[in-house]
Amino acid sequence: MTDHFIPPHGGYKKLLSYQKAKIVYQATVYFCDRYIDKRSRTHDQMVQAARSGKQNIVEGSLASATSKETEIKLTNVARASLEELLEDYRDFLREHGFSEWLKNHPYARRLRELNRIPDATYETFRKGIEHPDPAISTNVIIGLIRVVSCLLKRQIGHLEQKFLKEGGLREQMTRARLAQRQKSKGPQGPQRPQGQ
């Protein structure tokens, strides 16, 4: 058993949710600069929502060492920010008379194939994100957001189960302290002085 009670933390770059959220952020910056008036509140809100989704995954991962509750809370905030962003993209579709792709749409199927590529980056999706048809661009980004949201939902469920099983830092500190105390006593416990 390790003597360290602070668990490994901060490995957000390996999280698939972070990798996809980073793509969503880059895509949203591109999309908003191309299709949304830079002076409008919508432009700022969409970019900030995309950034919040990405950054809260980072902050949650970094906070995981000292507070599982904070990690769960920030991961929830990330998902909520991306759900808000998703609604903005759906508003864009409605306002321009475009339709959201159904899951059996050929382009939606192709997007699912791309999402299965290991270590996918913005470049993997650039053709769809930067497509000259705004309906395609919007739907590609919507598809990416839905993937991140699904990943975050699973991540939150895993964090909740881990918290219920292992507790937070306080419980881990108590376990570590008790283990250290037991180790100090030795295998047979404290020796009684002779002559007693």
Protein backbone atom coordinates (compact mmCIF):
# COMPACT_ATOMS: atom_id res chain seq x y z
CA MET A 1 0.00 0.00 0.00
CA THR A 2 1.33 3.46 -0.90
CA ASP A 3 2.09 6.04 1.78
CA HIS A 4 0.70 8.79 -0.43
CA PHE A 5 -2.96 9.73 0.02
CA ILE A 6 -3.15 12.41 -2.71
CA PRO A 7 -4.13 10.45 -5.84
CA PRO A 8 -2.68 11.08 -9.32
CA HIS A 9 -4.42 14.04 -10.92
CA GLY A 10 -4.28 16.54 -13.77
CA GLY A 11 -4.23 14.01 -16.62
CA TYR A 12 -6.89 15.90 -18.57
CA LYS A 13 -4.97 15.78 -21.88
CA LYS A 14 -5.59 12.02 -21.97
CA LEU A 15 -9.34 12.44 -21.45
CA LEU A 16 -11.31 11.86 -24.65
CA SER A 17 -13.87 14.40 -23.41
CA TYR A 18 -11.14 17.07 -23.22
CA GLN A 19 -9.74 16.19 -26.65
CA LYS A 20 -13.19 16.50 -28.25
CA ALA A 21 -14.09 19.64 -26.25
CA LYS A 22 -10.90 21.27 -27.54
CA ILE A 23 -12.03 20.55 -31.12
CA VAL A 24 -15.48 22.02 -30.33
CA TYR A 25 -13.84 25.18 -28.98
CA GLN A 26 -11.64 25.61 -32.06
CA ALA A 27 -14.60 24.89 -34.33
CA THR A 28 -16.81 27.41 -32.51
CA VAL A 29 -14.20 30.17 -32.81
CA TYR A 30 -14.02 29.49 -36.55
CA PHE A 31 -17.80 29.23 -36.96
CA CYS A 32 -18.62 32.37 -35.00
CA ASP A 33 -15.99 34.44 -36.80
CA ARG A 34 -17.46 33.30 -40.12
CA TYR A 35 -21.21 33.29 -39.50
CA ILE A 36 -22.02 35.34 -36.36
CA ASP A 37 -21.69 39.11 -36.14
CA LYS A 38 -18.61 39.79 -33.99
CA ARG A 39 -20.39 42.70 -32.30
CA SER A 40 -23.31 40.52 -31.18
CA ARG A 41 -23.76 39.01 -27.73
CA THR A 42 -24.38 35.64 -29.41
CA HIS A 43 -20.83 35.59 -30.78
CA ASP A 44 -19.31 36.15 -27.34
CA GLN A 45 -21.73 33.78 -25.59
CA MET A 46 -21.06 30.91 -27.98
CA VAL A 47 -17.27 31.27 -27.80
CA GLN A 48 -17.41 31.58 -24.00
CA ALA A 49 -19.69 28.52 -23.68
CA ALA A 50 -17.28 26.48 -25.83
CA ARG A 51 -14.32 27.71 -23.78
CA SER A 52 -16.14 26.98 -20.52
CA GLY A 53 -16.79 23.42 -21.67
CA LYS A 54 -13.10 22.85 -22.30
CA GLN A 55 -11.70 24.77 -19.33
CA ASN A 56 -13.98 23.19 -16.73
CA ILE A 57 -12.78 19.74 -17.78
CA VAL A 58 -9.21 20.97 -17.18
CA GLU A 59 -10.05 22.57 -13.81
CA GLY A 60 -12.03 19.52 -12.69
CA SER A 61 -9.13 17.22 -13.52
CA LEU A 62 -6.67 19.43 -11.63
CA ALA A 63 -9.02 19.71 -8.63
CA SER A 64 -9.48 15.95 -8.43
CA ALA A 65 -6.50 15.51 -6.10
CA THR A 66 -8.02 17.48 -3.26
CA SER A 67 -11.77 17.46 -3.93
CA LYS A 68 -13.76 14.83 -5.78
CA GLU A 69 -16.86 16.94 -5.13
CA THR A 70 -15.28 19.87 -7.00
CA GLU A 71 -14.22 17.59 -9.85
CA ILE A 72 -17.79 16.31 -10.23
CA LYS A 73 -19.21 19.84 -10.00
CA LEU A 74 -16.84 21.28 -12.63
CA THR A 75 -17.41 18.34 -14.98
CA ASN A 76 -21.16 19.02 -14.66
CA VAL A 77 -20.53 22.71 -15.43
CA ALA A 78 -18.58 21.68 -18.55
CA ARG A 79 -21.50 19.57 -19.75
CA ALA A 80 -24.04 22.32 -19.01
CA SER A 81 -21.96 24.86 -20.96
CA LEU A 82 -21.81 22.57 -23.97
CA GLU A 83 -25.56 21.86 -23.80
CA GLU A 84 -26.13 25.64 -23.87
CA LEU A 85 -23.82 25.88 -26.89
CA LEU A 86 -25.70 23.03 -28.58
CA GLU A 87 -28.93 25.02 -28.29
CA ASP A 88 -27.24 28.04 -29.91
CA TYR A 89 -26.26 25.92 -32.91
CA ARG A 90 -29.80 24.50 -33.13
CA ASP A 91 -31.13 28.08 -33.05
CA PHE A 92 -28.84 28.89 -35.98
CA LEU A 93 -30.28 25.95 -37.94
CA ARG A 94 -33.87 27.01 -37.20
CA GLU A 95 -33.24 30.68 -38.00
CA HIS A 96 -31.79 29.77 -41.40
CA GLY A 97 -34.30 27.07 -42.30
CA PHE A 98 -31.79 24.22 -42.06
CA SER A 99 -32.47 20.76 -40.64
CA GLU A 100 -30.52 18.83 -38.04
CA TRP A 101 -29.20 15.56 -39.40
CA LEU A 102 -30.94 12.40 -38.27
CA LYS A 103 -28.63 9.66 -37.07
CA ASN A 104 -29.06 7.63 -40.29
CA HIS A 105 -28.10 10.62 -42.51
CA PRO A 106 -25.06 9.64 -44.66
CA TYR A 107 -23.02 12.58 -43.34
CA ALA A 108 -23.96 11.72 -39.75
CA ARG A 109 -22.72 8.17 -40.32
CA ARG A 110 -19.47 9.54 -41.76
CA LEU A 111 -19.08 11.80 -38.73
CA ARG A 112 -19.45 8.80 -36.41
CA GLU A 113 -16.67 7.04 -38.36
CA LEU A 114 -14.38 10.06 -37.94
CA ASN A 115 -15.18 10.20 -34.21
CA ARG A 116 -13.90 6.64 -33.84
CA ILE A 117 -10.43 7.59 -35.14
CA PRO A 118 -7.93 7.45 -32.24
CA ASP A 119 -6.27 10.78 -31.37
CA ALA A 120 -8.54 12.74 -33.73
CA THR A 121 -7.82 16.47 -33.89
CA TYR A 122 -9.36 19.55 -35.47
CA GLU A 123 -7.66 18.52 -38.71
CA THR A 124 -9.66 15.27 -38.72
CA PHE A 125 -12.90 17.29 -38.92
CA ARG A 126 -11.65 20.44 -40.70
CA LYS A 127 -13.31 19.60 -44.04
CA GLY A 128 -16.74 19.38 -42.38
CA ILE A 129 -16.28 22.24 -39.91
CA GLU A 130 -15.03 24.64 -42.58
CA HIS A 131 -17.42 23.41 -45.30
CA PRO A 132 -18.77 26.31 -47.41
CA ASP A 133 -22.33 25.12 -46.74
CA PRO A 134 -23.24 26.49 -43.26
CA ALA A 135 -25.81 23.71 -42.77
CA ILE A 136 -23.04 21.10 -43.02
CA SER A 137 -20.67 23.09 -40.82
CA THR A 138 -23.34 23.53 -38.14
CA ASN A 139 -24.36 19.87 -38.17
CA VAL A 140 -20.77 18.66 -37.90
CA ILE A 141 -20.20 20.84 -34.82
CA ILE A 142 -23.55 19.73 -33.34
CA GLY A 143 -22.44 16.12 -33.80
CA LEU A 144 -19.14 16.84 -32.02
CA ILE A 145 -20.91 18.56 -29.12
CA ARG A 146 -23.25 15.60 -28.70
CA VAL A 147 -20.26 13.25 -28.52
CA VAL A 148 -18.59 15.39 -25.83
CA SER A 149 -21.83 15.63 -23.86
CA CYS A 150 -22.23 11.85 -23.95
CA LEU A 151 -18.60 11.36 -22.85
CA LEU A 152 -19.05 13.82 -19.98
CA LYS A 153 -22.25 12.11 -18.85
CA ARG A 154 -20.35 8.80 -18.62
CA GLN A 155 -17.42 10.53 -16.93
CA ILE A 156 -19.70 12.07 -14.28
CA GLY A 157 -21.29 8.66 -13.61
CA HIS A 158 -17.84 7.10 -13.18
CA LEU A 159 -16.72 9.90 -10.83
CA GLU A 160 -19.87 9.53 -8.73
CA GLN A 161 -19.37 5.76 -8.39
CA LYS A 162 -15.69 6.25 -7.51
CA PHE A 163 -16.61 8.83 -4.89
CA LEU A 164 -19.19 6.50 -3.32
CA LYS A 165 -16.64 3.66 -3.26
CA GLU A 166 -13.49 5.53 -2.17
CA GLY A 167 -14.76 8.76 -0.61
CA GLY A 168 -13.01 12.09 -0.82
CA LEU A 169 -9.62 13.32 0.32
CA ARG A 170 -10.64 13.45 3.99
CA GLU A 171 -11.54 9.75 4.02
CA GLN A 172 -8.32 8.88 2.16
CA MET A 173 -6.27 10.90 4.66
CA THR A 174 -7.94 9.01 7.53
CA ARG A 175 -7.22 5.64 5.89
CA ALA A 176 -3.59 6.63 5.25
CA ARG A 177 -3.17 7.81 8.86
CA LEU A 178 -4.65 4.56 10.26
CA ALA A 179 -2.46 2.47 7.95
CA GLN A 180 0.63 4.39 9.06
CA ARG A 181 -0.31 3.92 12.71
CA GLN A 182 -0.80 0.18 12.15
CA LYS A 183 2.57 -0.03 10.39
CA SER A 184 4.29 1.74 13.32
CA LYS A 185 2.88 -0.82 15.78
CA GLY A 186 4.40 -3.66 13.81
CA PRO A 187 2.78 -7.02 13.05
CA GLN A 188 2.29 -8.02 16.72
CA GLY A 189 1.24 -4.66 18.08
CA PRO A 190 3.03 -2.76 20.86
CA GLN A 191 5.24 -4.87 23.18
CA ARG A 192 4.41 -4.86 26.91
CA PRO A 193 7.36 -3.98 29.15
CA GLN A 194 8.83 -7.01 30.96
CA GLY A 195 7.97 -7.54 34.65
CA GLN A 196 4.35 -6.41 34.32
